Amino acid sequence: MKKIIFLLVMLLSLIASSQSSLNDYNMAIIPARFDFQKEDNQYRINSTIKTFLQQKGFEVYLTSDDLPEGFMDYNCNKLVVKAIEENTTFVTKLKVEFRDCKGKLLFATDLAETREKVFAKAYNQVLLKTLSTFSKANYRYSGKTYFDEEADEKIKNRDVENVSVEVVKKEINESYVRVLNKTNQKELLLYRTSNPNVFLSIYSGSNGIVVSKENNWFFEYIDGDKTASEKLDIKL
């Protein structure tokens, strides 16, 4: 009986640990226009949410922003943030939802409301009210990374072309290895994953992975409609 209880506890712990939570994210994307808006960032709702989340430590962008290269290559490492309107004839109501890439609701602020008749004032009032309840999430970034999932996606269905690039190891950190290309003095950060032979990296403006194949290291990335691979002279 004790063994059964122990196994049940372990199973429940594994299920709980596999479930995503708000604390597993420090990046977010916000639509430039919500369903109830007639134009991008109407009443500055979207940009206000963006600024609020930046103050909470998130790396966050509107879909209309100039996004960093590779930011949208993988979506499951970021939150999708939406403002939801539930208006009635004389009342403006608003809340903000935080969902993962599969649409699962991780947190929602309290629904705030006002009877203010001027739309710009009304939306500003309810937005500030509802954002003030974000504190109920007790948000604190867990430090979780999604390198494994990203690497798995990038490894699938790859046709490889080999080009030699000489680099030398320069610095080692718990989360990354820093190397230097001797030819052009460009640094290459190899971000660790749970697989010691797979790293995520950005090099010469390309997002990709560094993988070990038969004791040889390659930087693999998408080049147009094909996959390219540059051989690296690395000793890890």
Protein backbone atom coordinates (compact mmCIF):
# COMPACT_ATOMS: atom_id res chain seq x y z
CA MET A 1 0.00 0.00 0.00
CA LYS A 2 2.85 2.38 0.86
CA LYS A 3 4.47 1.66 -2.49
CA ILE A 4 1.22 2.50 -4.30
CA ILE A 5 0.86 5.77 -2.41
CA PHE A 6 4.49 6.64 -3.15
CA LEU A 7 4.02 5.96 -6.86
CA LEU A 8 0.86 8.06 -6.92
CA VAL A 9 2.67 10.95 -5.24
CA MET A 10 5.55 10.69 -7.72
CA LEU A 11 3.12 10.57 -10.65
CA LEU A 12 1.26 13.64 -9.44
CA SER A 13 4.55 15.46 -8.94
CA LEU A 14 5.66 14.66 -12.47
CA ILE A 15 2.32 15.83 -13.88
CA ALA A 16 2.51 19.05 -11.90
CA SER A 17 6.10 19.72 -12.95
CA SER A 18 5.23 19.19 -16.62
CA GLN A 19 2.47 21.78 -16.56
CA SER A 20 3.46 25.25 -17.67
CA SER A 21 2.92 28.25 -15.44
CA LEU A 22 3.26 32.00 -15.79
CA ASN A 23 6.56 31.84 -13.92
CA ASP A 24 8.10 29.76 -16.73
CA TYR A 25 8.12 32.72 -19.10
CA ASN A 26 10.06 35.96 -19.38
CA MET A 27 9.11 36.79 -22.97
CA ALA A 28 5.76 37.85 -24.37
CA ILE A 29 4.09 38.96 -27.60
CA ILE A 30 1.11 41.33 -27.74
CA PRO A 31 -1.16 41.75 -30.78
CA ALA A 32 -0.97 45.27 -32.19
CA ARG A 33 -4.77 45.21 -32.45
CA PHE A 34 -7.18 43.37 -30.18
CA ASP A 35 -10.52 42.06 -31.44
CA PHE A 36 -12.46 45.01 -30.08
CA GLN A 37 -10.13 47.68 -31.51
CA LYS A 38 -10.66 49.44 -34.83
CA GLU A 39 -7.01 50.38 -35.28
CA ASP A 40 -3.58 49.36 -33.99
CA ASN A 41 -2.91 50.39 -30.40
CA GLN A 42 -6.22 52.22 -30.15
CA TYR A 43 -6.42 54.24 -26.92
CA ARG A 44 -2.78 53.13 -26.33
CA ILE A 45 -4.04 49.95 -24.68
CA ASN A 46 -1.47 47.67 -26.31
CA SER A 47 1.56 49.86 -25.67
CA THR A 48 0.47 50.42 -22.05
CA ILE A 49 0.37 46.67 -21.45
CA LYS A 50 3.78 46.37 -23.10
CA THR A 51 5.29 49.03 -20.83
CA PHE A 52 3.70 47.44 -17.77
CA LEU A 53 5.19 44.02 -18.56
CA GLN A 54 8.60 45.51 -19.31
CA GLN A 55 8.54 46.98 -15.82
CA LYS A 56 7.87 43.45 -14.53
CA GLY A 57 11.00 42.17 -16.24
CA PHE A 58 9.54 40.71 -19.44
CA GLU A 59 11.09 41.00 -22.88
CA VAL A 60 7.93 41.96 -24.73
CA TYR A 61 6.95 43.29 -28.14
CA LEU A 62 3.87 44.25 -30.09
CA THR A 63 3.36 42.35 -33.33
CA SER A 64 3.77 45.67 -35.14
CA ASP A 65 7.20 46.33 -33.60
CA ASP A 66 10.49 45.72 -35.39
CA LEU A 67 11.09 42.31 -33.85
CA PRO A 68 14.58 41.00 -33.09
CA GLU A 69 15.85 38.53 -35.65
CA GLY A 70 14.64 35.05 -34.81
CA PHE A 71 12.20 36.20 -32.12
CA MET A 72 9.23 34.55 -33.84
CA ASP A 73 11.10 31.45 -35.04
CA TYR A 74 9.80 29.57 -32.02
CA ASN A 75 6.63 30.62 -30.21
CA CYS A 76 6.33 28.27 -27.27
CA ASN A 77 8.96 30.11 -25.24
CA LYS A 78 6.77 33.20 -24.90
CA LEU A 79 3.38 34.27 -23.61
CA VAL A 80 0.56 35.51 -25.81
CA VAL A 81 -1.03 38.48 -24.05
CA LYS A 82 -4.51 39.72 -24.95
CA ALA A 83 -6.92 42.29 -23.58
CA ILE A 84 -10.49 40.98 -23.42
CA GLU A 85 -13.45 43.34 -23.53
CA GLU A 86 -16.79 42.40 -21.93
CA ASN A 87 -18.75 45.60 -22.34
CA THR A 88 -22.43 46.23 -21.73
CA THR A 89 -24.48 49.21 -22.88
CA PHE A 90 -23.32 51.63 -20.21
CA VAL A 91 -20.29 49.88 -18.72
CA THR A 92 -16.78 49.34 -20.10
CA LYS A 93 -15.18 46.12 -18.84
CA LEU A 94 -11.68 44.83 -19.49
CA LYS A 95 -9.27 42.12 -18.38
CA VAL A 96 -5.89 40.84 -19.59
CA GLU A 97 -5.22 37.18 -20.33
CA PHE A 98 -1.87 35.37 -20.47
CA ARG A 99 -1.85 32.18 -22.55
CA ASP A 100 0.81 29.76 -23.73
CA CYS A 101 1.41 28.89 -27.38
CA LYS A 102 -1.26 26.18 -27.23
CA GLY A 103 -3.90 28.60 -26.00
CA LYS A 104 -3.91 27.40 -22.40
CA LEU A 105 -4.87 30.15 -19.98
CA LEU A 106 -2.10 30.61 -17.41
CA PHE A 107 -3.40 33.74 -15.70
CA ALA A 108 -6.03 36.42 -16.12
CA THR A 109 -6.27 39.74 -14.31
CA ASP A 110 -9.51 40.67 -12.58
CA LEU A 111 -12.25 42.10 -14.76
CA ALA A 112 -12.30 45.86 -14.18
CA GLU A 113 -15.17 48.15 -15.11
CA THR A 114 -16.18 51.79 -15.32
CA ARG A 115 -19.22 53.84 -16.32
CA GLU A 116 -17.10 56.62 -17.83
CA LYS A 117 -18.75 57.69 -21.11
CA VAL A 118 -15.64 59.00 -22.89
CA PHE A 119 -14.07 55.92 -24.48
CA ALA A 120 -10.44 57.03 -24.19
CA LYS A 121 -10.84 57.75 -20.47
CA ALA A 122 -12.92 54.62 -19.89
CA TYR A 123 -10.36 52.25 -21.41
CA ASN A 124 -7.51 53.98 -19.61
CA GLN A 125 -9.30 53.62 -16.28
CA VAL A 126 -10.23 49.94 -16.63
CA LEU A 127 -6.83 49.02 -18.02
CA LEU A 128 -4.97 50.50 -15.06
CA LYS A 129 -7.42 48.84 -12.67
CA THR A 130 -7.13 45.41 -14.21
CA LEU A 131 -3.33 45.56 -14.51
CA SER A 132 -3.10 46.42 -10.82
CA THR A 133 -4.44 42.90 -10.07
CA PHE A 134 -1.50 41.26 -11.87
CA SER A 135 0.15 41.17 -8.44
CA LYS A 136 -2.15 38.25 -7.59
CA ALA A 137 -0.11 36.09 -9.96
CA ASN A 138 2.90 36.39 -7.63
CA TYR A 139 5.01 36.36 -10.77
CA ARG A 140 8.64 35.44 -10.40
CA TYR A 141 10.55 34.06 -13.37
CA SER A 142 11.65 30.49 -12.67
CA GLY A 143 14.61 30.69 -15.04
CA LYS A 144 13.20 27.94 -17.27
CA THR A 145 14.67 27.77 -20.77
CA TYR A 146 13.19 26.25 -23.90
CA PHE A 147 16.46 25.45 -25.68
CA ASP A 148 15.69 21.71 -25.89
CA GLU A 149 12.37 22.25 -27.66
CA GLU A 150 13.88 24.81 -30.03
CA ALA A 151 16.81 22.54 -30.81
CA ASP A 152 14.52 19.59 -31.51
CA GLU A 153 12.53 21.66 -33.98
CA LYS A 154 15.63 22.87 -35.79
CA ILE A 155 17.21 19.42 -35.99
CA LYS A 156 14.25 17.88 -37.87
CA ASN A 157 14.46 17.33 -41.64
CA ARG A 158 17.83 18.95 -42.28
CA ASP A 159 19.89 18.72 -45.50
CA VAL A 160 23.48 19.63 -44.64
CA GLU A 161 26.16 21.53 -46.59
CA ASN A 162 29.58 21.77 -44.97
CA VAL A 163 31.74 24.90 -44.83
CA SER A 164 34.77 25.04 -42.52
CA VAL A 165 35.04 27.84 -39.96
CA GLU A 166 37.90 27.98 -37.44
CA VAL A 167 37.02 29.11 -33.94
CA VAL A 168 38.67 28.92 -30.55
CA LYS A 169 37.10 28.50 -27.10
CA LYS A 170 37.24 31.71 -25.07
CA GLU A 171 34.92 31.58 -22.06
CA ILE A 172 32.79 28.99 -20.25
CA ASN A 173 29.67 29.79 -18.22
CA GLU A 174 26.98 27.63 -16.55
CA SER A 175 24.48 28.53 -19.27
CA TYR A 176 26.72 29.07 -22.28
CA VAL A 177 30.13 28.66 -23.90
CA ARG A 178 31.65 31.68 -25.64
CA VAL A 179 33.88 31.05 -28.65
CA LEU A 180 35.60 33.36 -31.12
CA ASN A 181 35.93 33.07 -34.88
CA LYS A 182 39.62 33.80 -35.56
CA THR A 183 38.93 34.84 -39.14
CA ASN A 184 36.60 37.77 -38.46
CA GLN A 185 36.84 38.03 -34.65
CA LYS A 186 33.08 37.43 -34.31
CA GLU A 187 31.95 35.87 -31.07
CA LEU A 188 29.70 32.83 -30.99
CA LEU A 189 27.64 32.02 -27.90
CA LEU A 190 26.72 28.37 -27.50
CA TYR A 191 23.72 28.16 -25.17
CA ARG A 192 23.56 24.87 -23.31
CA THR A 193 20.66 22.41 -23.53
CA SER A 194 20.06 19.20 -21.57
CA ASN A 195 21.85 17.40 -24.41
CA PRO A 196 25.61 18.00 -24.03
CA ASN A 197 26.03 17.64 -27.79
CA VAL A 198 23.42 20.24 -28.77
CA PHE A 199 23.63 24.01 -28.27
CA LEU A 200 21.46 26.89 -29.45
CA SER A 201 23.26 29.81 -31.05
CA ILE A 202 23.07 32.97 -33.13
CA TYR A 203 26.01 33.53 -35.48
CA SER A 204 26.57 36.08 -38.26
CA GLY A 205 22.91 37.07 -38.05
CA SER A 206 21.60 33.50 -38.36
CA ASN A 207 19.66 31.55 -35.72
CA GLY A 208 20.63 27.91 -35.48
CA ILE A 209 22.07 25.10 -33.45
CA VAL A 210 25.55 23.71 -32.84
CA VAL A 211 25.60 19.93 -32.81
CA SER A 212 28.26 17.25 -32.41
CA LYS A 213 28.46 14.55 -35.08
CA GLU A 214 31.14 11.89 -34.70
CA ASN A 215 33.37 14.25 -32.68
CA ASN A 216 32.93 17.07 -35.19
CA TRP A 217 30.97 20.24 -34.43
CA PHE A 218 28.66 22.00 -36.88
CA PHE A 219 26.67 25.24 -36.81
CA GLU A 220 23.41 24.46 -38.64
CA TYR A 221 20.95 27.09 -39.77
CA ILE A 222 18.26 27.83 -42.34
CA ASP A 223 19.54 29.63 -45.43
CA GLY A 224 16.61 30.60 -47.63
CA ASP A 225 14.72 27.41 -48.44
CA LYS A 226 17.52 25.03 -47.45
CA THR A 227 19.62 24.12 -44.46
CA ALA A 228 23.32 24.98 -44.30
CA SER A 229 26.00 23.70 -41.95
CA GLU A 230 29.34 25.26 -41.08
CA LYS A 231 31.98 23.02 -39.55
CA LEU A 232 33.44 24.44 -36.34
CA ASP A 233 36.86 23.70 -34.87
CA ILE A 234 35.72 23.50 -31.24
CA LYS A 235 37.03 21.47 -28.31
CA LEU A 236 34.47 21.28 -25.49
